[in-house]
Amino acid sequence: MTAACLIDLDHLDLYVAGDDALRDEILGIFETQAEMWAGLLDPAAEDAAWRDAAHALKGAARGVGAWQLGDICARAETLVGLSRRREERAELLEQLRSTGRETIAEIRRLRDGT
């Protein structure tokens, strides 16, 4: 995966109209929110807690154009209802965390101008 796929800057620019300071502020807020919501995703969690955390992270990710992370969260939202979901949740959570780390790293590169 290339870093260019992690944040859709054209999408984000619809909201910031070329204002780099505003872009960086929004991405900073997203970074904080993403870390918080991802931290609440526990494969053993009750269905409602799992779904709510996945849904919140999905919305935040899609809001900044982090489509891949948003898509993983959309899949996570569906993993409710059956006891076998715990293993599936754990596997998907690893994918989510990996993509989340890559996305946060890209955000930091954008903010640092590197």
C-alpha atoms as a PDB file:
ATOM      1  CA  MET A   1       0.000   0.000   0.000  1.00  0.00           C
ATOM      2  CA  THR A   2       1.287   3.467  -0.762  1.00  0.00           C
ATOM      3  CA  ALA A   3       1.014   6.371   1.611  1.00  0.00           C
ATOM      4  CA  ALA A   4      -0.993   8.282  -0.996  1.00  0.00           C
ATOM      5  CA  CYS A   5      -3.842   5.813  -0.452  1.00  0.00           C
ATOM      6  CA  LEU A   6      -4.131   6.463   3.262  1.00  0.00           C
ATOM      7  CA  ILE A   7      -5.536  10.022   3.293  1.00  0.00           C
ATOM      8  CA  ASP A   8      -7.551  11.438   0.394  1.00  0.00           C
ATOM      9  CA  LEU A   9      -6.283  15.010   0.435  1.00  0.00           C
ATOM     10  CA  ASP A  10      -8.708  16.060  -2.311  1.00  0.00           C
ATOM     11  CA  HIS A  11     -11.596  14.985  -0.080  1.00  0.00           C
ATOM     12  CA  LEU A  12     -10.126  16.735   2.930  1.00  0.00           C
ATOM     13  CA  ASP A  13      -9.532  19.891   0.885  1.00  0.00           C
ATOM     14  CA  LEU A  14     -13.291  20.142   0.295  1.00  0.00           C
ATOM     15  CA  TYR A  15     -13.507  21.124   3.959  1.00  0.00           C
ATOM     16  CA  VAL A  16     -10.320  23.143   4.404  1.00  0.00           C
ATOM     17  CA  ALA A  17     -10.136  24.933   1.026  1.00  0.00           C
ATOM     18  CA  GLY A  18      -6.349  24.832   0.906  1.00  0.00           C
ATOM     19  CA  ASP A  19      -5.837  26.058   4.477  1.00  0.00           C
ATOM     20  CA  ASP A  20      -2.912  23.907   5.638  1.00  0.00           C
ATOM     21  CA  ALA A  21      -3.227  25.038   9.256  1.00  0.00           C
ATOM     22  CA  LEU A  22      -6.876  23.989   9.340  1.00  0.00           C
ATOM     23  CA  ARG A  23      -6.011  20.697   7.621  1.00  0.00           C
ATOM     24  CA  ASP A  24      -3.352  20.008  10.232  1.00  0.00           C
ATOM     25  CA  GLU A  25      -5.746  20.876  13.062  1.00  0.00           C
ATOM     26  CA  ILE A  26      -8.413  18.527  11.704  1.00  0.00           C
ATOM     27  CA  LEU A  27      -5.873  15.749  11.209  1.00  0.00           C
ATOM     28  CA  GLY A  28      -4.605  16.273  14.755  1.00  0.00           C
ATOM     29  CA  ILE A  29      -8.131  15.931  16.113  1.00  0.00           C
ATOM     30  CA  PHE A  30      -8.616  12.811  14.005  1.00  0.00           C
ATOM     31  CA  GLU A  31      -5.363  11.344  15.322  1.00  0.00           C
ATOM     32  CA  THR A  32      -6.515  11.800  18.921  1.00  0.00           C
ATOM     33  CA  GLN A  33      -9.977  10.412  18.197  1.00  0.00           C
ATOM     34  CA  ALA A  34      -8.624   7.450  16.222  1.00  0.00           C
ATOM     35  CA  GLU A  35      -6.306   6.433  19.032  1.00  0.00           C
ATOM     36  CA  MET A  36      -9.125   6.739  21.569  1.00  0.00           C
ATOM     37  CA  TRP A  37     -11.725   4.762  19.584  1.00  0.00           C
ATOM     38  CA  ALA A  38      -9.252   2.094  18.471  1.00  0.00           C
ATOM     39  CA  GLY A  39      -8.293   1.654  22.120  1.00  0.00           C
ATOM     40  CA  LEU A  40     -11.915   0.844  22.932  1.00  0.00           C
ATOM     41  CA  LEU A  41     -12.111  -1.972  20.389  1.00  0.00           C
ATOM     42  CA  ASP A  42     -11.762  -5.142  22.430  1.00  0.00           C
ATOM     43  CA  PRO A  43     -12.595  -8.467  20.738  1.00  0.00           C
ATOM     44  CA  ALA A  44     -14.285  -9.606  23.969  1.00  0.00           C
ATOM     45  CA  ALA A  45     -16.445  -6.486  24.263  1.00  0.00           C
ATOM     46  CA  GLU A  46     -20.221  -6.593  24.298  1.00  0.00           C
ATOM     47  CA  ASP A  47     -21.713  -6.198  20.839  1.00  0.00           C
ATOM     48  CA  ALA A  48     -23.005  -2.663  21.426  1.00  0.00           C
ATOM     49  CA  ALA A  49     -19.658  -1.375  22.709  1.00  0.00           C
ATOM     50  CA  TRP A  50     -17.782  -2.997  19.817  1.00  0.00           C
ATOM     51  CA  ARG A  51     -20.213  -1.684  17.210  1.00  0.00           C
ATOM     52  CA  ASP A  52     -20.288   1.837  18.696  1.00  0.00           C
ATOM     53  CA  ALA A  53     -16.491   2.149  18.766  1.00  0.00           C
ATOM     54  CA  ALA A  54     -16.155   0.780  15.225  1.00  0.00           C
ATOM     55  CA  HIS A  55     -18.904   3.110  13.998  1.00  0.00           C
ATOM     56  CA  ALA A  56     -17.353   6.200  15.598  1.00  0.00           C
ATOM     57  CA  LEU A  57     -13.921   5.405  14.182  1.00  0.00           C
ATOM     58  CA  LYS A  58     -15.441   4.711  10.758  1.00  0.00           C
ATOM     59  CA  GLY A  59     -17.103   8.124  10.713  1.00  0.00           C
ATOM     60  CA  ALA A  60     -13.958   9.917  11.819  1.00  0.00           C
ATOM     61  CA  ALA A  61     -11.841   8.085   9.243  1.00  0.00           C
ATOM     62  CA  ARG A  62     -14.212   8.747   6.377  1.00  0.00           C
ATOM     63  CA  GLY A  63     -14.516  12.373   7.436  1.00  0.00           C
ATOM     64  CA  VAL A  64     -10.819  12.959   6.750  1.00  0.00           C
ATOM     65  CA  GLY A  65     -10.675  10.721   3.688  1.00  0.00           C
ATOM     66  CA  ALA A  66      -8.997   7.728   5.350  1.00  0.00           C
ATOM     67  CA  TRP A  67     -11.074   5.392   3.185  1.00  0.00           C
ATOM     68  CA  GLN A  68      -9.150   2.185   3.832  1.00  0.00           C
ATOM     69  CA  LEU A  69      -9.370   2.602   7.602  1.00  0.00           C
ATOM     70  CA  GLY A  70     -13.049   3.498   7.277  1.00  0.00           C
ATOM     71  CA  ASP A  71     -13.722   0.352   5.245  1.00  0.00           C
ATOM     72  CA  ILE A  72     -12.057  -1.841   7.865  1.00  0.00           C
ATOM     73  CA  CYS A  73     -14.216  -0.200  10.530  1.00  0.00           C
ATOM     74  CA  ALA A  74     -17.332  -0.828   8.439  1.00  0.00           C
ATOM     75  CA  ARG A  75     -16.465  -4.534   8.398  1.00  0.00           C
ATOM     76  CA  ALA A  76     -15.807  -4.420  12.141  1.00  0.00           C
ATOM     77  CA  GLU A  77     -19.308  -3.041  12.731  1.00  0.00           C
ATOM     78  CA  THR A  78     -20.789  -6.233  11.307  1.00  0.00           C
ATOM     79  CA  LEU A  79     -18.960  -8.570  13.686  1.00  0.00           C
ATOM     80  CA  VAL A  80     -21.704  -8.860  16.262  1.00  0.00           C
ATOM     81  CA  GLY A  81     -24.097 -11.514  17.438  1.00  0.00           C
ATOM     82  CA  LEU A  82     -22.222 -14.810  17.423  1.00  0.00           C
ATOM     83  CA  SER A  83     -19.629 -16.164  19.822  1.00  0.00           C
ATOM     84  CA  ARG A  84     -17.303 -17.091  16.955  1.00  0.00           C
ATOM     85  CA  ARG A  85     -17.047 -13.388  16.177  1.00  0.00           C
ATOM     86  CA  ARG A  86     -14.400 -12.987  18.878  1.00  0.00           C
ATOM     87  CA  GLU A  87     -11.712 -14.600  16.699  1.00  0.00           C
ATOM     88  CA  GLU A  88     -12.835 -12.648  13.654  1.00  0.00           C
ATOM     89  CA  ARG A  89     -12.781  -9.454  15.688  1.00  0.00           C
ATOM     90  CA  ALA A  90      -9.231 -10.141  16.870  1.00  0.00           C
ATOM     91  CA  GLU A  91      -8.029 -10.741  13.314  1.00  0.00           C
ATOM     92  CA  LEU A  92      -9.738  -7.632  11.979  1.00  0.00           C
ATOM     93  CA  LEU A  93      -8.488  -5.575  14.909  1.00  0.00           C
ATOM     94  CA  GLU A  94      -4.902  -6.421  13.959  1.00  0.00           C
ATOM     95  CA  GLN A  95      -5.587  -5.204  10.427  1.00  0.00           C
ATOM     96  CA  LEU A  96      -7.263  -2.075  11.781  1.00  0.00           C
ATOM     97  CA  ARG A  97      -4.351  -1.306  14.102  1.00  0.00           C
ATOM     98  CA  SER A  98      -1.799  -1.795  11.338  1.00  0.00           C
ATOM     99  CA  THR A  99      -3.676   0.449   8.929  1.00  0.00           C
ATOM    100  CA  GLY A 100      -4.307   2.919  11.740  1.00  0.00           C
ATOM    101  CA  ARG A 101      -0.584   3.134  12.540  1.00  0.00           C
ATOM    102  CA  GLU A 102       0.236   3.697   8.868  1.00  0.00           C
ATOM    103  CA  THR A 103      -2.475   6.343   8.583  1.00  0.00           C
ATOM    104  CA  ILE A 104      -1.283   8.178  11.698  1.00  0.00           C
ATOM    105  CA  ALA A 105       2.294   8.064  10.388  1.00  0.00           C
ATOM    106  CA  GLU A 106       1.117   9.630   7.123  1.00  0.00           C
ATOM    107  CA  ILE A 107      -0.754  12.330   9.041  1.00  0.00           C
ATOM    108  CA  ARG A 108       2.404  13.160  10.975  1.00  0.00           C
ATOM    109  CA  ARG A 109       4.416  13.354   7.749  1.00  0.00           C
ATOM    110  CA  LEU A 110       1.822  15.715   6.283  1.00  0.00           C
ATOM    111  CA  ARG A 111       1.874  17.930   9.368  1.00  0.00           C
ATOM    112  CA  ASP A 112       5.679  17.918   9.490  1.00  0.00           C
ATOM    113  CA  GLY A 113       5.901  18.713   5.781  1.00  0.00           C
ATOM    114  CA  THR A 114       8.047  15.677   5.006  1.00  0.00           C
END
